[in-house]
Each structure stands twice: as structure tokens, then as C-alpha cells.
Protein backbone atom coordinates (compact mmCIF):
# COMPACT_ATOMS: atom_id res chain seq x y z
CA MET A 1 -143.34 60.79 48.67
CA THR A 2 -146.02 61.52 46.11
CA ASP A 3 -146.18 59.98 42.66
CA SER A 4 -144.64 63.09 41.07
CA THR A 5 -141.69 62.66 38.76
CA TYR A 6 -138.29 63.50 40.22
CA LEU A 7 -134.89 63.80 38.59
CA CYS A 8 -132.40 61.74 40.56
CA SER A 9 -128.92 63.21 40.93
CA GLY A 10 -127.44 60.18 42.65
CA THR A 11 -126.61 58.80 46.06
CA ALA A 12 -124.68 60.62 48.77
CA TRP A 13 -123.77 60.20 52.45
CA ASP A 14 -123.65 62.44 55.46
CA GLU A 15 -123.15 61.72 59.16
CA GLU A 16 -126.65 60.22 59.37
CA GLY A 17 -126.19 57.75 56.52
CA ALA A 18 -126.98 57.34 52.84
CA PHE A 19 -129.66 59.15 50.85
CA LEU A 20 -130.90 59.75 47.32
CA ARG A 21 -130.71 63.31 45.99
CA LEU A 22 -133.81 64.30 44.05
CA GLU A 23 -134.84 67.38 42.11
CA GLN A 24 -138.51 68.29 42.27
CA PRO A 25 -140.53 69.00 39.12
CA GLY A 26 -141.05 72.67 39.95
CA GLY A 27 -137.55 73.26 41.25
CA GLY A 28 -135.98 72.67 44.61
CA ARG A 29 -134.21 69.61 45.99
CA VAL A 30 -135.28 66.92 48.42
CA THR A 31 -133.58 63.85 49.86
CA LEU A 32 -134.82 60.34 50.44
CA ARG A 33 -133.06 58.61 53.31
CA LEU A 34 -131.95 55.04 52.58
CA ALA A 35 -131.99 53.72 56.13
CA PRO A 36 -132.68 50.01 56.74
CA GLY A 37 -136.39 49.36 56.32
CA THR A 38 -136.92 52.14 53.76
CA GLU A 39 -139.19 51.06 50.93
CA LEU A 40 -137.85 52.37 47.64
CA ARG A 41 -140.77 51.85 45.24
CA PHE A 42 -140.60 53.67 41.93
CA ARG A 43 -141.10 53.53 38.20
CA ASN A 44 -138.43 54.82 35.82
CA ARG A 45 -140.12 57.47 33.68
CA SER A 46 -137.13 58.55 31.59
CA GLU A 47 -137.71 59.18 27.91
CA SER A 48 -134.01 59.79 27.31
CA ALA A 49 -131.07 57.59 28.21
CA ARG A 50 -129.94 60.18 30.74
CA TYR A 51 -130.85 63.75 31.71
CA CYS A 52 -128.64 66.75 32.35
CA LEU A 53 -127.93 67.40 36.03
CA GLY A 54 -126.95 71.02 35.54
CA TYR A 55 -123.66 72.63 36.46
CA GLU A 56 -121.61 73.81 39.43
CA LEU A 57 -120.28 77.21 40.41
CA VAL A 58 -117.25 77.10 42.70
CA ARG A 59 -116.76 79.80 45.32
CA ASP A 60 -114.51 80.19 48.33
CA GLU A 61 -117.20 78.67 50.56
CA GLY A 62 -117.69 75.61 48.35
CA ARG A 63 -119.58 74.30 45.35
CA THR A 64 -123.09 75.42 44.43
CA SER A 65 -125.22 73.32 42.06
CA ARG A 66 -127.46 74.90 39.46
CA PRO A 67 -130.16 72.86 37.65
CA CYS A 68 -130.22 72.62 33.89
CA PRO A 69 -132.37 75.57 32.75
CA ASP A 70 -133.70 73.56 29.82
CA GLY A 71 -134.28 70.20 31.52
CA ALA A 72 -132.35 68.80 28.59
CA ALA A 73 -131.12 65.31 27.84
CA ALA A 74 -127.48 64.71 28.73
CA GLU A 75 -125.04 64.81 25.83
CA ARG A 76 -121.72 64.45 27.65
CA GLY A 77 -121.64 62.49 30.89
CA TYR A 78 -124.46 63.97 32.96
CA GLN A 79 -124.60 67.32 31.18
CA CYS A 80 -125.94 68.99 28.08
CA LYS A 81 -123.52 71.15 26.09
CA ARG A 82 -124.74 74.38 27.64
CA CYS A 83 -124.27 73.20 31.22
CA PHE A 84 -120.94 71.56 30.39
CA PHE A 85 -119.46 74.87 29.29
CA HIS A 86 -120.91 76.72 32.31
CA ASP A 87 -119.61 74.12 34.76
CA GLU A 88 -116.75 75.24 37.00
CA GLY A 89 -116.75 71.99 38.97
CA ARG A 90 -115.16 70.04 36.11
CA LEU A 91 -112.22 72.47 36.14
CA VAL A 92 -111.24 71.20 39.60
CA HIS A 93 -109.92 67.95 38.14
CA ASN A 94 -107.75 69.70 35.55
CA SER A 95 -106.67 72.65 37.69
CA HIS A 96 -103.06 71.39 37.90
CA ARG A 97 -102.63 71.25 34.12
CA GLY A 98 -102.48 75.00 33.56
CA GLY A 99 -104.92 77.52 32.14
CA GLU A 100 -106.85 80.42 33.63
CA LEU A 101 -109.09 79.59 36.61
CA PRO A 102 -112.01 81.64 38.00
CA GLN A 103 -111.22 83.49 41.24
CA GLY A 104 -113.75 81.46 43.22
CA LEU A 105 -112.18 78.22 42.06
CA ARG A 106 -108.69 79.44 42.96
CA SER A 107 -109.89 80.26 46.48
CA TYR A 108 -111.62 76.89 46.79
CA LEU A 109 -108.49 75.04 45.68
CA ALA A 110 -106.34 76.91 48.20
CA ARG A 111 -107.61 74.65 50.99
CA PRO A 112 -105.77 71.54 52.27
CA GLN A 113 -106.45 68.26 50.47
CA TRP A 114 -105.72 64.59 51.22
CA LEU A 115 -104.30 61.90 48.98
CA TYR A 116 -105.61 58.40 49.69
CA ILE A 117 -105.24 54.81 48.54
CA ALA A 118 -108.56 52.91 48.54
CA THR A 119 -109.24 49.21 48.04
CA PHE A 120 -112.58 47.70 47.04
CA ALA A 121 -114.22 44.31 47.55
CA ASP A 122 -112.32 42.40 44.86
CA GLY A 123 -108.95 43.96 45.70
CA THR A 124 -109.09 46.64 43.01
CA THR A 125 -107.18 49.64 44.35
CA LYS A 126 -107.20 53.28 43.30
CA VAL A 127 -105.57 56.56 44.21
CA GLY A 128 -107.79 59.55 44.91
CA THR A 129 -108.14 62.92 46.60
CA ALA A 130 -110.45 64.32 49.25
CA ALA A 131 -111.09 67.85 50.46
CA ASP A 132 -110.18 68.44 54.08
CA ARG A 133 -113.77 68.79 55.27
CA ARG A 134 -114.96 65.70 53.35
CA LYS A 135 -111.99 63.55 54.21
CA VAL A 136 -114.04 60.70 55.71
CA LEU A 137 -117.29 60.95 53.74
CA ARG A 138 -115.49 60.91 50.40
CA LEU A 139 -114.27 57.36 51.01
CA THR A 140 -117.65 56.34 52.44
CA GLU A 141 -119.38 57.46 49.25
CA GLN A 142 -116.73 55.69 47.20
CA GLY A 143 -117.63 52.39 48.89
CA ALA A 144 -114.07 51.53 49.91
CA LEU A 145 -113.52 48.56 52.21
CA ALA A 146 -109.97 49.50 53.19
CA ALA A 147 -108.16 52.79 52.77
CA GLN A 148 -105.23 54.81 54.00
CA TYR A 149 -104.31 58.47 53.64
CA VAL A 150 -100.77 58.83 52.33
CA ALA A 151 -100.29 62.59 52.00
CA ARG A 152 -101.72 65.94 53.02
CA ALA A 153 -101.18 68.73 50.50
CA PRO A 154 -101.63 72.45 51.13
CA ASN A 155 -103.96 72.92 48.17
CA GLY A 156 -106.03 71.19 45.52
CA VAL A 157 -103.58 71.86 42.68
CA GLN A 158 -100.66 70.15 44.35
CA VAL A 159 -102.66 67.14 45.53
CA ARG A 160 -103.69 66.44 41.93
CA VAL A 161 -100.08 66.60 40.79
CA LEU A 162 -99.29 63.98 43.45
CA GLU A 163 -102.29 61.91 42.37
CA ASP A 164 -101.05 61.82 38.78
CA GLU A 165 -97.56 60.85 39.89
CA ILE A 166 -98.73 57.98 42.10
CA SER A 167 -101.11 56.79 39.41
CA ALA A 168 -98.31 56.66 36.83
CA ALA A 169 -95.64 55.22 39.12
CA LEU A 170 -97.80 52.40 40.54
CA SER A 171 -100.24 51.89 37.62
CA LEU A 172 -103.15 52.71 39.91
CA PRO A 173 -106.41 53.96 38.39
CA GLN A 174 -107.95 57.22 39.58
CA GLY A 175 -111.47 55.86 39.21
CA VAL A 176 -113.37 52.59 39.53
CA ARG A 177 -116.82 52.13 37.99
CA ALA A 178 -119.69 51.86 40.47
CA ALA A 179 -121.02 48.79 38.64
CA ASN A 180 -117.74 46.98 39.23
CA LYS A 181 -117.72 47.90 42.92
CA CYS A 182 -121.25 46.57 43.29
CA ALA A 183 -120.59 43.30 41.46
CA ALA A 184 -117.43 42.70 43.52
CA LEU A 185 -119.46 42.65 46.73
CA ALA A 186 -121.10 39.39 45.64
CA ALA A 187 -117.77 37.67 46.33
CA ALA A 188 -115.83 40.06 48.53
CA LEU A 189 -112.32 39.07 49.57
CA PRO A 190 -111.70 38.50 53.29
CA ASP A 191 -111.00 41.62 55.34
CA ASP A 192 -107.44 40.62 56.19
CA LYS A 193 -106.65 40.14 52.49
CA LEU A 194 -108.11 43.54 51.58
CA ARG A 195 -106.21 45.27 54.38
CA ALA A 196 -102.98 43.61 53.25
CA ILE A 197 -103.50 44.70 49.64
CA ASN A 198 -104.27 48.23 50.74
CA ALA A 199 -101.30 48.41 53.11
CA GLU A 200 -98.92 47.22 50.37
CA ARG A 201 -100.19 49.80 47.85
CA ALA A 202 -100.21 52.59 50.44
CA GLY A 203 -96.66 51.74 51.47
CA ALA A 204 -95.53 51.82 47.86
CA ALA A 205 -97.21 55.21 47.41
CA ARG A 206 -95.39 56.63 50.43
CA THR A 207 -92.10 55.36 49.03
CA VAL A 208 -92.74 57.26 45.80
CA LEU A 209 -93.64 60.39 47.78
CA PHE A 210 -90.58 60.16 50.04
CA ASP A 211 -88.33 59.98 46.96
CA ARG A 212 -89.88 63.20 45.65
CA GLU A 213 -88.95 66.74 46.63
CA PRO A 214 -91.22 67.58 49.62
CA ASP A 215 -92.33 70.93 48.16
CA GLY A 216 -94.69 71.70 51.04
CA PHE A 217 -96.76 68.53 51.25
CA GLU A 218 -96.65 66.08 54.14
CA VAL A 219 -96.40 62.31 53.85
CA VAL A 220 -98.80 60.74 56.35
CA LYS A 221 -99.77 57.30 57.58
CA GLU A 222 -103.39 57.29 58.66
CA THR A 223 -106.03 54.59 58.32
CA TRP A 224 -109.59 55.38 57.28
CA MET A 225 -112.20 53.62 59.40
CA ARG A 226 -115.11 52.38 57.33
CA PRO A 227 -118.56 53.09 58.80
CA GLY A 228 -120.38 50.47 60.82
CA ALA A 229 -123.34 50.84 58.46
CA PHE A 230 -121.37 48.90 55.82
CA GLU A 231 -121.44 45.74 57.94
CA ALA A 232 -125.11 45.02 57.17
CA VAL A 233 -124.13 44.55 53.52
CA LEU A 234 -120.89 42.67 54.18
CA ALA A 235 -122.53 40.24 56.60
CA GLU A 236 -125.02 39.08 53.96
CA ARG A 237 -123.45 36.06 52.33
CA GLY A 238 -125.06 34.81 49.15
CA ALA A 239 -126.67 38.03 47.96
CA VAL A 240 -126.79 38.15 44.16
CA MET A 241 -127.02 41.02 41.71
CA TYR A 242 -130.49 42.48 41.26
CA PRO A 243 -131.72 40.98 37.97
CA LEU A 244 -133.79 43.92 36.68
CA PRO A 245 -132.35 47.08 35.05
CA LEU A 246 -133.11 50.19 37.09
CA SER A 247 -132.99 52.20 33.87
CA THR A 248 -136.47 51.01 32.94
CA GLY A 249 -139.66 49.61 34.46
CA ALA A 250 -141.09 49.40 37.97
CA HIS A 251 -139.25 48.34 41.12
CA GLY A 252 -140.09 47.64 44.74
CA LEU A 253 -136.97 47.49 46.93
CA ILE A 254 -136.82 47.24 50.71
CA ILE A 255 -133.47 48.61 51.85
CA ARG A 256 -131.57 46.42 54.29
CA GLY A 257 -128.22 48.20 54.14
CA MET A 258 -126.05 50.57 52.12
CA LEU A 259 -122.37 50.44 51.15
CA GLY A 260 -121.29 53.39 49.02
CA SER A 261 -123.87 53.54 46.23
CA THR A 262 -124.71 49.82 46.55
CA ALA A 263 -127.89 48.80 48.35
CA LEU A 264 -128.55 45.44 49.93
CA ALA A 265 -132.27 45.12 49.29
CA ALA A 266 -135.12 42.67 49.55
CA THR A 267 -138.26 42.59 47.42
CA ASP A 268 -141.79 41.45 48.12
CA ASP A 269 -140.66 37.92 47.24
CA ALA A 270 -139.71 36.53 50.64
CA GLY A 271 -136.25 35.21 51.31
CA LEU A 272 -134.31 36.92 48.53
CA SER A 273 -131.59 39.53 49.00
CA PHE A 274 -129.98 41.48 46.18
CA LEU A 275 -127.09 43.83 45.58
CA VAL A 276 -128.45 46.87 43.75
CA ASP A 277 -126.29 49.50 42.06
CA LEU A 278 -128.24 52.67 42.83
CA SER A 279 -125.75 54.79 40.88
CA VAL A 280 -127.74 53.72 37.80
CA LEU A 281 -130.50 56.10 38.92
CA LYS A 282 -128.26 59.14 38.49
CA GLY A 283 -129.67 61.24 35.66
CA GLN A 284 -132.94 59.27 35.57
CA LYS A 285 -136.51 60.52 36.05
CA ILE A 286 -138.44 58.41 38.54
CA GLY A 287 -141.91 58.45 40.04
CA PHE A 288 -142.74 56.99 43.45
CA GLY A 289 -145.76 54.86 44.21
CA ALA A 290 -146.98 51.38 45.20
CA PHE A 291 -144.70 49.57 42.76
CA ARG A 292 -143.31 46.04 42.92
CA SER A 293 -140.45 44.22 41.24
CA ASP A 294 -141.60 41.64 38.73
CA LEU A 295 -138.70 39.25 39.16
CA PRO A 296 -137.65 36.46 36.81
CA ALA A 297 -136.96 33.08 38.39
CA VAL A 298 -134.01 33.60 40.73
CA GLN A 299 -132.25 30.93 42.77
CA GLN A 300 -130.36 32.21 45.79
CA PRO A 301 -126.89 30.64 46.19
CA LEU A 302 -126.51 28.20 49.07
CA PHE A 303 -123.11 29.55 50.07
């Protein structure tokens, strides 16, 4: 890539692996694949803490992103006020709480949805939802290490009612911060422990669902299989958190593996491996070039 300035809209996954989503200065979107061996060398050029990433329109065929027409700084989450009020995507999460919904959103929500229980590296467990066609990739992007689907609902409104009920009944969060997921990988629990935690929570969720009036949804027992690409990160024992903030300065990272939005990366200093939370780049303006990481003194753990 050239040394132009791009607005990063975060990490994502498809069947080929992880990538960064980037908006070009003159409009249009490009992706930067984060395959092992990729050199991610950039300087953060943001003059604001975070920039607006635009808004979404929801139609029967799916969601369509629109860039911020003003290139404004973000005021609420990753949006300016104007884009926040134009955004139909945010209505998806509150669709079950009443209120008028646009026709396109109603059609979009009419599709089947899955309810899942996901467990992360330190045992933290959440309840969440996934659209039928993104059933697997949703959990991959979340960076789960163990997960089970517990219900299939006929539409997006009902699945969110179920999500709220499971969250309240089992005191399960509906979100886990990316920074926490990344930090937990530095001392991940053994696989058998994570699977046991996930199985216990998923079983408890099914019990709650079985005690509820069926009302059209189906209780299921299906295990999500995490991608083999995650193993490159999990096999690296002793990796520490990257010591420089991605929100400022220059960085030279050599990708060795990806797990959700966390990269296992080396630098030009031989022998060091780091866990890097690439979600920090979301809403940041970055320029690519021959940059390096100017690391402080770092001692790699022996075990």
C-alpha cells in the first residue's frame, strides 16, 4: 500500500482469514489481509481521538455502509451525531423493545437467527446472537475459544428477547471488551477447562429455554468449531502485550497469527512476540510506509 492516509474501520474475517477494513481518502474501500508474514507498518495520523465511521442502511438483502459525509470526529461511539441519527444498523439491537422500524429493517430481521454461548481465554462467558448466514464467522470475529449454539429463532426480534432473558437469568454479559479478550490470551486457561465452562453455561441456558413457552423457537445443542488459524496464536506460550499504544506513533508489526481482533506479531527486534489488540485501530487514520516499532526494554517471560 502507498503512504496515503486511510481511515480504519476495524478487523473482520471471511472464509480466507482476517483482514483490516480501510476507507480510502477519495472514497472507496480496500482490505489488507492479515495472513502470517504480512508486514503491518504504519503511523497513526489521527488528530482526533476517534473518527466517525458513517452509518448503515438495512435492506432485505443485508446491511449497506455509508461513509460519514463530513469526515467528522466521532462524538458517540464511532459516529458523529448526524450519522448516529441516520444509522439503521443500531436499531437492530433494540428492535425487540418496541417502536416503529423501517420496512427494510423489518425484512432483514425476518430471517432466522442463532443464540449462542461463547467463552473466552480467561473463562469469561457471554450470550450473543448471530444471523443465519454469519453463524460461524460471527464467533470467529468475536475471538471465542469455545462456544455452543443453544437456540435457533425464526427472526431477529425473538432471538434478542431470548438473549435478554438468558442474560438476566444467568447473569451473563452480552458483550466483552476486545482489550480484555486480548489480555486474557497472555494466560489462557487450558482447552478442557474452557470447554467445561462453556458446556456448563450452555446447559444452564438450555434449561432456562426449556422452561419457557416454546413460541416458535427451537432449542438446539450444537458446538461451534473454532478455526485452525487460531492455533498459531494459542501455541505461542510467553507472548506478552504489545507495549506501545496503537492510538499514536509509528509501528512495524510482522503478523504471525490472528485470533479474533488480536494479532500475534513480531517486530524487527528478533525473538520477541506480542499480543496486539488491533481493534484499537478502529476509527483511526493511519498511513502505511517503512515504519518500525521503537520498543522500550522488554523481557520475554521464560514460561
